[in-house]
Amino acid sequence: DIPIENLAVSGHHAKIDSVGDGYLLTDLQSKNGSFVNKELVSSHWLK
């Protein structure tokens, strides 16, 4: 849904799910990881 053409990005890197009233970012075991506010996360409720 959000394609990013960059070799540092995995084919399926991360996803964001709407859950109840919140939105959950989940890293899909990407090679270079996902960061929120400069911190490495495996999952994170977005604010």
All heavy atoms as atom14 arrays in JSON, in Angstrom:
{
  "sequence": "DIPIENLAVSGHHAKIDSVGDGYLLTDLQSKNGSFVNKELVSSHWLK",
  "atom14_mask": [
    [1, 1, 1, 1, 1, 1, 1, 1, 0, 0, 0, 0, 0, 0],
    [1, 1, 1, 1, 1, 1, 1, 1, 0, 0, 0, 0, 0, 0],
    [1, 1, 1, 1, 1, 1, 1, 0, 0, 0, 0, 0, 0, 0],
    [1, 1, 1, 1, 1, 1, 1, 1, 0, 0, 0, 0, 0, 0],
    [1, 1, 1, 1, 1, 1, 1, 1, 1, 0, 0, 0, 0, 0],
    [1, 1, 1, 1, 1, 1, 1, 1, 0, 0, 0, 0, 0, 0],
    [1, 1, 1, 1, 1, 1, 1, 1, 0, 0, 0, 0, 0, 0],
    [1, 1, 1, 1, 1, 0, 0, 0, 0, 0, 0, 0, 0, 0],
    [1, 1, 1, 1, 1, 1, 1, 0, 0, 0, 0, 0, 0, 0],
    [1, 1, 1, 1, 1, 1, 0, 0, 0, 0, 0, 0, 0, 0],
    [1, 1, 1, 1, 0, 0, 0, 0, 0, 0, 0, 0, 0, 0],
    [1, 1, 1, 1, 1, 1, 1, 1, 1, 1, 0, 0, 0, 0],
    [1, 1, 1, 1, 1, 1, 1, 1, 1, 1, 0, 0, 0, 0],
    [1, 1, 1, 1, 1, 0, 0, 0, 0, 0, 0, 0, 0, 0],
    [1, 1, 1, 1, 1, 1, 1, 1, 1, 0, 0, 0, 0, 0],
    [1, 1, 1, 1, 1, 1, 1, 1, 0, 0, 0, 0, 0, 0],
    [1, 1, 1, 1, 1, 1, 1, 1, 0, 0, 0, 0, 0, 0],
    [1, 1, 1, 1, 1, 1, 0, 0, 0, 0, 0, 0, 0, 0],
    [1, 1, 1, 1, 1, 1, 1, 0, 0, 0, 0, 0, 0, 0],
    [1, 1, 1, 1, 0, 0, 0, 0, 0, 0, 0, 0, 0, 0],
    [1, 1, 1, 1, 1, 1, 1, 1, 0, 0, 0, 0, 0, 0],
    [1, 1, 1, 1, 0, 0, 0, 0, 0, 0, 0, 0, 0, 0],
    [1, 1, 1, 1, 1, 1, 1, 1, 1, 1, 1, 1, 0, 0],
    [1, 1, 1, 1, 1, 1, 1, 1, 0, 0, 0, 0, 0, 0],
    [1, 1, 1, 1, 1, 1, 1, 1, 0, 0, 0, 0, 0, 0],
    [1, 1, 1, 1, 1, 1, 1, 0, 0, 0, 0, 0, 0, 0],
    [1, 1, 1, 1, 1, 1, 1, 1, 0, 0, 0, 0, 0, 0],
    [1, 1, 1, 1, 1, 1, 1, 1, 0, 0, 0, 0, 0, 0],
    [1, 1, 1, 1, 1, 1, 1, 1, 1, 0, 0, 0, 0, 0],
    [1, 1, 1, 1, 1, 1, 0, 0, 0, 0, 0, 0, 0, 0],
    [1, 1, 1, 1, 1, 1, 1, 1, 1, 0, 0, 0, 0, 0],
    [1, 1, 1, 1, 1, 1, 1, 1, 0, 0, 0, 0, 0, 0],
    [1, 1, 1, 1, 0, 0, 0, 0, 0, 0, 0, 0, 0, 0],
    [1, 1, 1, 1, 1, 1, 0, 0, 0, 0, 0, 0, 0, 0],
    [1, 1, 1, 1, 1, 1, 1, 1, 1, 1, 1, 0, 0, 0],
    [1, 1, 1, 1, 1, 1, 1, 0, 0, 0, 0, 0, 0, 0],
    [1, 1, 1, 1, 1, 1, 1, 1, 0, 0, 0, 0, 0, 0],
    [1, 1, 1, 1, 1, 1, 1, 1, 1, 0, 0, 0, 0, 0],
    [1, 1, 1, 1, 1, 1, 1, 1, 1, 0, 0, 0, 0, 0],
    [1, 1, 1, 1, 1, 1, 1, 1, 0, 0, 0, 0, 0, 0],
    [1, 1, 1, 1, 1, 1, 1, 0, 0, 0, 0, 0, 0, 0],
    [1, 1, 1, 1, 1, 1, 0, 0, 0, 0, 0, 0, 0, 0],
    [1, 1, 1, 1, 1, 1, 0, 0, 0, 0, 0, 0, 0, 0],
    [1, 1, 1, 1, 1, 1, 1, 1, 1, 1, 0, 0, 0, 0],
    [1, 1, 1, 1, 1, 1, 1, 1, 1, 1, 1, 1, 1, 1],
    [1, 1, 1, 1, 1, 1, 1, 1, 0, 0, 0, 0, 0, 0],
    [1, 1, 1, 1, 1, 1, 1, 1, 1, 0, 0, 0, 0, 0]
  ],
  "atom14_positions": [
    [[0.84, -1.2, 0.0], [0.0, 0.0, 0.0], [0.87, 1.25, 0.0], [0.49, 2.27, -0.58], [-0.92, 0.0, 1.23], [-1.85, -1.2, 1.24], [-2.65, -1.33, 0.3], [-1.76, -2.01, 2.18], [0.0, 0.0, 0.0], [0.0, 0.0, 0.0], [0.0, 0.0, 0.0], [0.0, 0.0, 0.0], [0.0, 0.0, 0.0], [0.0, 0.0, 0.0]],
    [[2.02, 1.17, 0.68], [2.98, 2.27, 0.67], [4.3, 1.71, 0.13], [5.13, 1.21, 0.88], [3.19, 2.86, 2.08], [1.85, 3.31, 2.68], [4.16, 4.05, 2.03], [1.95, 3.87, 4.09], [0.0, 0.0, 0.0], [0.0, 0.0, 0.0], [0.0, 0.0, 0.0], [0.0, 0.0, 0.0], [0.0, 0.0, 0.0], [0.0, 0.0, 0.0]],
    [[4.49, 1.76, -1.2], [5.73, 1.25, -1.78], [6.87, 2.25, -1.62], [6.68, 3.46, -1.79], [5.36, 1.06, -3.26], [4.28, 2.04, -3.52], [3.53, 2.21, -2.22], [0.0, 0.0, 0.0], [0.0, 0.0, 0.0], [0.0, 0.0, 0.0], [0.0, 0.0, 0.0], [0.0, 0.0, 0.0], [0.0, 0.0, 0.0], [0.0, 0.0, 0.0]],
    [[8.03, 1.75, -1.23], [9.22, 2.6, -1.07], [10.36, 1.97, -1.87], [10.88, 0.91, -1.51], [9.63, 2.73, 0.42], [8.48, 3.32, 1.24], [10.88, 3.6, 0.55], [8.76, 3.4, 2.72], [0.0, 0.0, 0.0], [0.0, 0.0, 0.0], [0.0, 0.0, 0.0], [0.0, 0.0, 0.0], [0.0, 0.0, 0.0], [0.0, 0.0, 0.0]],
    [[10.74, 2.62, -2.96], [11.78, 2.1, -3.84], [13.15, 2.46, -3.29], [13.71, 3.52, -3.59], [11.6, 2.66, -5.26], [10.31, 2.21, -5.92], [10.19, 2.73, -7.33], [11.22, 3.16, -7.9], [9.08, 2.73, -7.87], [0.0, 0.0, 0.0], [0.0, 0.0, 0.0], [0.0, 0.0, 0.0], [0.0, 0.0, 0.0], [0.0, 0.0, 0.0]],
    [[13.68, 1.58, -2.45], [14.99, 1.8, -1.86], [15.53, 0.45, -1.42], [14.83, -0.35, -0.82], [14.88, 2.75, -0.65], [16.24, 3.19, -0.15], [16.99, 2.4, 0.39], [16.55, 4.47, -0.33], [0.0, 0.0, 0.0], [0.0, 0.0, 0.0], [0.0, 0.0, 0.0], [0.0, 0.0, 0.0], [0.0, 0.0, 0.0], [0.0, 0.0, 0.0]],
    [[16.8, 0.17, -1.76], [17.39, -1.13, -1.45], [17.53, -1.38, 0.04], [17.75, -2.52, 0.47], [18.75, -1.26, -2.14], [18.71, -1.35, -3.68], [20.12, -1.39, -4.24], [17.92, -2.57, -4.13], [0.0, 0.0, 0.0], [0.0, 0.0, 0.0], [0.0, 0.0, 0.0], [0.0, 0.0, 0.0], [0.0, 0.0, 0.0], [0.0, 0.0, 0.0]],
    [[17.42, -0.33, 0.86], [17.5, -0.5, 2.31], [16.17, -1.0, 2.89], [16.08, -1.33, 4.07], [17.88, 0.82, 2.98], [0.0, 0.0, 0.0], [0.0, 0.0, 0.0], [0.0, 0.0, 0.0], [0.0, 0.0, 0.0], [0.0, 0.0, 0.0], [0.0, 0.0, 0.0], [0.0, 0.0, 0.0], [0.0, 0.0, 0.0], [0.0, 0.0, 0.0]],
    [[15.14, -1.04, 2.04], [13.79, -1.44, 2.47], [13.53, -2.87, 2.01], [13.78, -3.22, 0.86], [12.74, -0.48, 1.89], [11.34, -0.9, 2.31], [13.03, 0.95, 2.33], [0.0, 0.0, 0.0], [0.0, 0.0, 0.0], [0.0, 0.0, 0.0], [0.0, 0.0, 0.0], [0.0, 0.0, 0.0], [0.0, 0.0, 0.0], [0.0, 0.0, 0.0]],
    [[13.01, -3.71, 2.91], [12.67, -5.09, 2.55], [11.43, -5.12, 1.67], [10.64, -4.17, 1.66], [12.43, -5.92, 3.82], [13.61, -6.01, 4.6], [0.0, 0.0, 0.0], [0.0, 0.0, 0.0], [0.0, 0.0, 0.0], [0.0, 0.0, 0.0], [0.0, 0.0, 0.0], [0.0, 0.0, 0.0], [0.0, 0.0, 0.0], [0.0, 0.0, 0.0]],
    [[11.24, -6.24, 0.94], [10.09, -6.37, 0.05], [8.78, -6.15, 0.79], [7.91, -5.41, 0.34], [0.0, 0.0, 0.0], [0.0, 0.0, 0.0], [0.0, 0.0, 0.0], [0.0, 0.0, 0.0], [0.0, 0.0, 0.0], [0.0, 0.0, 0.0], [0.0, 0.0, 0.0], [0.0, 0.0, 0.0], [0.0, 0.0, 0.0], [0.0, 0.0, 0.0]],
    [[8.64, -6.78, 1.94], [7.52, -6.55, 2.85], [8.14, -6.17, 4.19], [8.53, -7.04, 4.96], [6.62, -7.77, 2.95], [5.96, -8.14, 1.65], [4.94, -7.4, 1.1], [6.19, -9.15, 0.78], [4.57, -7.94, -0.04], [5.32, -9.0, -0.27], [0.0, 0.0, 0.0], [0.0, 0.0, 0.0], [0.0, 0.0, 0.0], [0.0, 0.0, 0.0]],
    [[8.24, -4.91, 4.45], [9.05, -4.39, 5.55], [8.26, -4.27, 6.86], [8.71, -4.7, 7.92], [9.6, -3.01, 5.16], [10.74, -2.55, 6.01], [12.05, -2.57, 5.58], [10.78, -2.05, 7.27], [12.84, -2.09, 6.53], [12.08, -1.78, 7.58], [0.0, 0.0, 0.0], [0.0, 0.0, 0.0], [0.0, 0.0, 0.0], [0.0, 0.0, 0.0]],
    [[7.08, -3.65, 6.78], [6.28, -3.41, 7.99], [4.83, -3.23, 7.59], [4.49, -3.15, 6.41], [6.79, -2.17, 8.72], [0.0, 0.0, 0.0], [0.0, 0.0, 0.0], [0.0, 0.0, 0.0], [0.0, 0.0, 0.0], [0.0, 0.0, 0.0], [0.0, 0.0, 0.0], [0.0, 0.0, 0.0], [0.0, 0.0, 0.0], [0.0, 0.0, 0.0]],
    [[3.96, -3.19, 8.61], [2.55, -2.91, 8.33], [1.95, -2.13, 9.48], [2.48, -2.11, 10.6], [1.76, -4.2, 8.1], [1.61, -5.08, 9.34], [0.67, -6.24, 9.07], [0.46, -7.08, 10.32], [-0.6, -8.1, 10.13], [0.0, 0.0, 0.0], [0.0, 0.0, 0.0], [0.0, 0.0, 0.0], [0.0, 0.0, 0.0], [0.0, 0.0, 0.0]],
    [[0.85, -1.46, 9.19], [0.11, -0.71, 10.21], [-1.32, -1.23, 10.21], [-1.99, -1.25, 9.17], [0.14, 0.8, 9.93], [1.58, 1.33, 9.98], [-0.72, 1.55, 10.95], [1.73, 2.77, 9.54], [0.0, 0.0, 0.0], [0.0, 0.0, 0.0], [0.0, 0.0, 0.0], [0.0, 0.0, 0.0], [0.0, 0.0, 0.0], [0.0, 0.0, 0.0]],
    [[-1.79, -1.69, 11.37], [-3.14, -2.23, 11.5], [-3.99, -1.29, 12.34], [-3.55, -0.79, 13.39], [-3.11, -3.6, 12.19], [-2.47, -4.67, 11.31], [-2.99, -4.91, 10.22], [-1.45, -5.24, 11.74], [0.0, 0.0, 0.0], [0.0, 0.0, 0.0], [0.0, 0.0, 0.0], [0.0, 0.0, 0.0], [0.0, 0.0, 0.0], [0.0, 0.0, 0.0]],
    [[-5.22, -1.08, 11.91], [-6.21, -0.39, 12.72], [-6.81, -1.41, 13.67], [-7.4, -2.4, 13.24], [-7.3, 0.22, 11.83], [-8.4, 0.63, 12.6], [0.0, 0.0, 0.0], [0.0, 0.0, 0.0], [0.0, 0.0, 0.0], [0.0, 0.0, 0.0], [0.0, 0.0, 0.0], [0.0, 0.0, 0.0], [0.0, 0.0, 0.0], [0.0, 0.0, 0.0]],
    [[-6.64, -1.18, 14.97], [-7.14, -2.11, 15.99], [-7.93, -1.31, 17.02], [-7.37, -0.52, 17.76], [-5.99, -2.86, 16.69], [-6.55, -3.88, 17.66], [-5.07, -3.53, 15.69], [0.0, 0.0, 0.0], [0.0, 0.0, 0.0], [0.0, 0.0, 0.0], [0.0, 0.0, 0.0], [0.0, 0.0, 0.0], [0.0, 0.0, 0.0], [0.0, 0.0, 0.0]],
    [[-9.25, -1.52, 17.03], [-10.08, -0.72, 17.92], [-9.95, 0.75, 17.58], [-10.17, 1.17, 16.44], [0.0, 0.0, 0.0], [0.0, 0.0, 0.0], [0.0, 0.0, 0.0], [0.0, 0.0, 0.0], [0.0, 0.0, 0.0], [0.0, 0.0, 0.0], [0.0, 0.0, 0.0], [0.0, 0.0, 0.0], [0.0, 0.0, 0.0], [0.0, 0.0, 0.0]],
    [[-9.57, 1.57, 18.56], [-9.39, 3.0, 18.33], [-7.94, 3.36, 18.05], [-7.61, 4.53, 17.86], [-9.87, 3.8, 19.56], [-11.38, 3.71, 19.74], [-12.08, 3.61, 18.71], [-11.84, 3.72, 20.89], [0.0, 0.0, 0.0], [0.0, 0.0, 0.0], [0.0, 0.0, 0.0], [0.0, 0.0, 0.0], [0.0, 0.0, 0.0], [0.0, 0.0, 0.0]],
    [[-7.05, 2.37, 18.03], [-5.63, 2.65, 17.85], [-5.07, 2.11, 16.56], [-5.75, 1.43, 15.79], [0.0, 0.0, 0.0], [0.0, 0.0, 0.0], [0.0, 0.0, 0.0], [0.0, 0.0, 0.0], [0.0, 0.0, 0.0], [0.0, 0.0, 0.0], [0.0, 0.0, 0.0], [0.0, 0.0, 0.0], [0.0, 0.0, 0.0], [0.0, 0.0, 0.0]],
    [[-3.77, 2.39, 16.35], [-3.08, 1.97, 15.14], [-1.74, 1.35, 15.54], [-0.93, 2.0, 16.2], [-2.89, 3.15, 14.19], [-4.22, 3.7, 13.7], [-4.9, 4.67, 14.42], [-4.82, 3.19, 12.54], [-6.14, 5.13, 14.01], [-6.05, 3.66, 12.12], [-6.7, 4.63, 12.86], [-7.93, 5.08, 12.44], [0.0, 0.0, 0.0], [0.0, 0.0, 0.0]],
    [[-1.54, 0.09, 15.15], [-0.38, -0.67, 15.58], [0.59, -0.88, 14.42], [0.23, -1.47, 13.4], [-0.82, -2.03, 16.14], [0.29, -2.96, 16.65], [0.93, -2.39, 17.9], [-0.28, -4.35, 16.94], [0.0, 0.0, 0.0], [0.0, 0.0, 0.0], [0.0, 0.0, 0.0], [0.0, 0.0, 0.0], [0.0, 0.0, 0.0], [0.0, 0.0, 0.0]],
    [[1.83, -0.38, 14.59], [2.9, -0.62, 13.63], [3.61, -1.92, 14.01], [3.98, -2.11, 15.17], [3.91, 0.54, 13.65], [5.21, 0.29, 12.87], [4.97, 0.4, 11.37], [6.29, 1.29, 13.31], [0.0, 0.0, 0.0], [0.0, 0.0, 0.0], [0.0, 0.0, 0.0], [0.0, 0.0, 0.0], [0.0, 0.0, 0.0], [0.0, 0.0, 0.0]],
    [[3.8, -2.81, 13.04], [4.5, -4.08, 13.28], [5.59, -4.24, 12.24], [5.33, -4.15, 11.03], [3.54, -5.27, 13.19], [2.46, -5.08, 14.12], [4.26, -6.57, 13.53], [0.0, 0.0, 0.0], [0.0, 0.0, 0.0], [0.0, 0.0, 0.0], [0.0, 0.0, 0.0], [0.0, 0.0, 0.0], [0.0, 0.0, 0.0], [0.0, 0.0, 0.0]],
    [[6.82, -4.5, 12.7], [7.92, -4.8, 11.77], [7.78, -6.25, 11.32], [7.56, -7.15, 12.13], [9.26, -4.58, 12.47], [10.44, -4.87, 11.55], [10.77, -3.99, 10.73], [11.0, -5.97, 11.63], [0.0, 0.0, 0.0], [0.0, 0.0, 0.0], [0.0, 0.0, 0.0], [0.0, 0.0, 0.0], [0.0, 0.0, 0.0], [0.0, 0.0, 0.0]],
    [[7.9, -6.49, 10.01], [7.71, -7.83, 9.46], [9.04, -8.56, 9.3], [9.35, -9.09, 8.24], [6.98, -7.72, 8.11], [5.58, -7.08, 8.17], [4.99, -6.95, 6.78], [4.66, -7.86, 9.09], [0.0, 0.0, 0.0], [0.0, 0.0, 0.0], [0.0, 0.0, 0.0], [0.0, 0.0, 0.0], [0.0, 0.0, 0.0], [0.0, 0.0, 0.0]],
    [[9.82, -8.53, 10.39], [11.14, -9.18, 10.41], [11.99, -8.68, 9.25], [12.66, -9.45, 8.55], [10.98, -10.71, 10.37], [10.25, -11.26, 11.58], [10.15, -12.77, 11.58], [10.34, -13.43, 10.56], [9.84, -13.35, 12.73], [0.0, 0.0, 0.0], [0.0, 0.0, 0.0], [0.0, 0.0, 0.0], [0.0, 0.0, 0.0], [0.0, 0.0, 0.0]],
    [[11.97, -7.36, 9.06], [12.74, -6.74, 7.98], [14.24, -6.84, 8.26], [14.66, -6.98, 9.4], [12.34, -5.27, 7.83], [12.66, -4.55, 9.01], [0.0, 0.0, 0.0], [0.0, 0.0, 0.0], [0.0, 0.0, 0.0], [0.0, 0.0, 0.0], [0.0, 0.0, 0.0], [0.0, 0.0, 0.0], [0.0, 0.0, 0.0], [0.0, 0.0, 0.0]],
    [[15.03, -6.74, 7.2], [16.48, -6.89, 7.33], [17.09, -5.74, 8.12], [18.0, -5.94, 8.94], [17.12, -6.97, 5.94], [18.61, -7.28, 5.98], [19.16, -7.51, 4.6], [20.65, -7.87, 4.65], [21.2, -8.11, 3.29], [0.0, 0.0, 0.0], [0.0, 0.0, 0.0], [0.0, 0.0, 0.0], [0.0, 0.0, 0.0], [0.0, 0.0, 0.0]],
    [[16.64, -4.51, 7.89], [17.24, -3.35, 8.53], [16.4, -2.77, 9.66], [16.77, -1.76, 10.25], [17.52, -2.26, 7.49], [18.63, -2.67, 6.53], [19.67, -3.15, 6.96], [18.4, -2.51, 5.25], [0.0, 0.0, 0.0], [0.0, 0.0, 0.0], [0.0, 0.0, 0.0], [0.0, 0.0, 0.0], [0.0, 0.0, 0.0], [0.0, 0.0, 0.0]],
    [[15.27, -3.39, 9.98], [14.47, -2.97, 11.12], [13.61, -1.75, 10.85], [13.75, -1.05, 9.84], [0.0, 0.0, 0.0], [0.0, 0.0, 0.0], [0.0, 0.0, 0.0], [0.0, 0.0, 0.0], [0.0, 0.0, 0.0], [0.0, 0.0, 0.0], [0.0, 0.0, 0.0], [0.0, 0.0, 0.0], [0.0, 0.0, 0.0], [0.0, 0.0, 0.0]],
    [[12.69, -1.48, 11.78], [11.82, -0.31, 11.74], [12.08, 0.52, 13.0], [12.26, -0.02, 14.08], [10.35, -0.73, 11.7], [10.08, -1.51, 10.55], [0.0, 0.0, 0.0], [0.0, 0.0, 0.0], [0.0, 0.0, 0.0], [0.0, 0.0, 0.0], [0.0, 0.0, 0.0], [0.0, 0.0, 0.0], [0.0, 0.0, 0.0], [0.0, 0.0, 0.0]],
    [[12.11, 1.84, 12.83], [12.41, 2.74, 13.93], [11.26, 3.73, 14.13], [10.69, 4.23, 13.16], [13.71, 3.51, 13.65], [14.94, 2.64, 13.58], [15.21, 1.88, 12.46], [15.81, 2.57, 14.65], [16.33, 1.07, 12.39], [16.95, 1.77, 14.6], [17.21, 1.01, 13.46], [0.0, 0.0, 0.0], [0.0, 0.0, 0.0], [0.0, 0.0, 0.0]],
    [[10.94, 4.0, 15.38], [9.97, 5.04, 15.71], [10.66, 6.02, 16.64], [11.17, 5.65, 17.69], [8.71, 4.46, 16.39], [7.77, 5.59, 16.8], [7.99, 3.5, 15.45], [0.0, 0.0, 0.0], [0.0, 0.0, 0.0], [0.0, 0.0, 0.0], [0.0, 0.0, 0.0], [0.0, 0.0, 0.0], [0.0, 0.0, 0.0], [0.0, 0.0, 0.0]],
    [[10.71, 7.27, 16.2], [11.39, 8.32, 16.97], [12.83, 7.91, 17.31], [13.3, 8.05, 18.43], [10.6, 8.67, 18.24], [9.18, 9.08, 17.93], [8.91, 9.69, 16.9], [8.26, 8.73, 18.81], [0.0, 0.0, 0.0], [0.0, 0.0, 0.0], [0.0, 0.0, 0.0], [0.0, 0.0, 0.0], [0.0, 0.0, 0.0], [0.0, 0.0, 0.0]],
    [[13.5, 7.32, 16.29], [14.91, 6.93, 16.34], [15.19, 5.72, 17.22], [16.34, 5.41, 17.51], [15.79, 8.11, 16.78], [15.74, 9.3, 15.83], [16.68, 10.41, 16.29], [16.63, 11.59, 15.33], [17.54, 12.68, 15.74], [0.0, 0.0, 0.0], [0.0, 0.0, 0.0], [0.0, 0.0, 0.0], [0.0, 0.0, 0.0], [0.0, 0.0, 0.0]],
    [[14.14, 5.0, 17.64], [14.33, 3.82, 18.47], [13.82, 2.59, 17.73], [12.74, 2.6, 17.13], [13.61, 3.97, 19.82], [14.2, 5.08, 20.68], [13.5, 5.17, 22.02], [12.25, 5.16, 22.05], [14.21, 5.24, 23.04], [0.0, 0.0, 0.0], [0.0, 0.0, 0.0], [0.0, 0.0, 0.0], [0.0, 0.0, 0.0], [0.0, 0.0, 0.0]],
    [[14.61, 1.51, 17.77], [14.25, 0.27, 17.1], [13.05, -0.37, 17.78], [13.01, -0.5, 19.0], [15.45, -0.68, 17.14], [15.29, -2.03, 16.43], [15.23, -1.83, 14.93], [16.45, -2.95, 16.8], [0.0, 0.0, 0.0], [0.0, 0.0, 0.0], [0.0, 0.0, 0.0], [0.0, 0.0, 0.0], [0.0, 0.0, 0.0], [0.0, 0.0, 0.0]],
    [[12.05, -0.77, 16.99], [10.85, -1.38, 17.57], [10.47, -2.64, 16.79], [10.77, -2.78, 15.61], [9.64, -0.41, 17.56], [9.96, 0.86, 18.32], [9.2, -0.09, 16.14], [0.0, 0.0, 0.0], [0.0, 0.0, 0.0], [0.0, 0.0, 0.0], [0.0, 0.0, 0.0], [0.0, 0.0, 0.0], [0.0, 0.0, 0.0], [0.0, 0.0, 0.0]],
    [[9.83, -3.57, 17.48], [9.24, -4.72, 16.8], [7.76, -4.45, 16.57], [7.18, -4.88, 15.57], [9.42, -6.0, 17.62], [8.79, -5.88, 18.88], [0.0, 0.0, 0.0], [0.0, 0.0, 0.0], [0.0, 0.0, 0.0], [0.0, 0.0, 0.0], [0.0, 0.0, 0.0], [0.0, 0.0, 0.0], [0.0, 0.0, 0.0], [0.0, 0.0, 0.0]],
    [[7.15, -3.71, 17.51], [5.78, -3.23, 17.33], [5.59, -1.99, 18.19], [6.31, -1.79, 19.17], [4.76, -4.31, 17.72], [4.84, -4.57, 19.12], [0.0, 0.0, 0.0], [0.0, 0.0, 0.0], [0.0, 0.0, 0.0], [0.0, 0.0, 0.0], [0.0, 0.0, 0.0], [0.0, 0.0, 0.0], [0.0, 0.0, 0.0], [0.0, 0.0, 0.0]],
    [[4.63, -1.16, 17.8], [4.49, 0.12, 18.49], [3.1, 0.69, 18.23], [2.66, 0.78, 17.08], [5.56, 1.1, 17.98], [5.45, 2.48, 18.55], [5.98, 2.83, 19.77], [4.87, 3.61, 18.07], [5.75, 4.11, 20.0], [5.06, 4.61, 18.99], [0.0, 0.0, 0.0], [0.0, 0.0, 0.0], [0.0, 0.0, 0.0], [0.0, 0.0, 0.0]],
    [[2.39, 1.08, 19.32], [1.11, 1.78, 19.17], [1.42, 3.22, 18.79], [2.07, 3.94, 19.54], [0.3, 1.74, 20.46], [-0.26, 0.39, 20.78], [0.23, -0.54, 21.67], [-1.42, -0.21, 20.19], [-0.56, -1.66, 21.66], [-1.57, -1.49, 20.78], [-2.34, 0.23, 19.23], [-2.61, -2.34, 20.43], [-3.38, -0.62, 18.88], [-3.51, -1.89, 19.48]],
    [[0.98, 3.64, 17.61], [1.33, 4.95, 17.09], [0.59, 6.07, 17.79], [-0.6, 5.95, 18.11], [1.06, 5.0, 15.57], [1.95, 4.08, 14.73], [1.42, 4.0, 13.3], [3.4, 4.57, 14.75], [0.0, 0.0, 0.0], [0.0, 0.0, 0.0], [0.0, 0.0, 0.0], [0.0, 0.0, 0.0], [0.0, 0.0, 0.0], [0.0, 0.0, 0.0]],
    [[1.3, 7.18, 17.99], [0.73, 8.38, 18.6], [0.95, 9.57, 17.68], [1.8, 9.54, 16.79], [1.39, 8.64, 19.97], [1.26, 7.5, 20.96], [1.83, 7.89, 22.32], [3.34, 8.09, 22.29], [4.07, 6.88, 21.92], [0.0, 0.0, 0.0], [0.0, 0.0, 0.0], [0.0, 0.0, 0.0], [0.0, 0.0, 0.0], [0.0, 0.0, 0.0]]
  ]
}
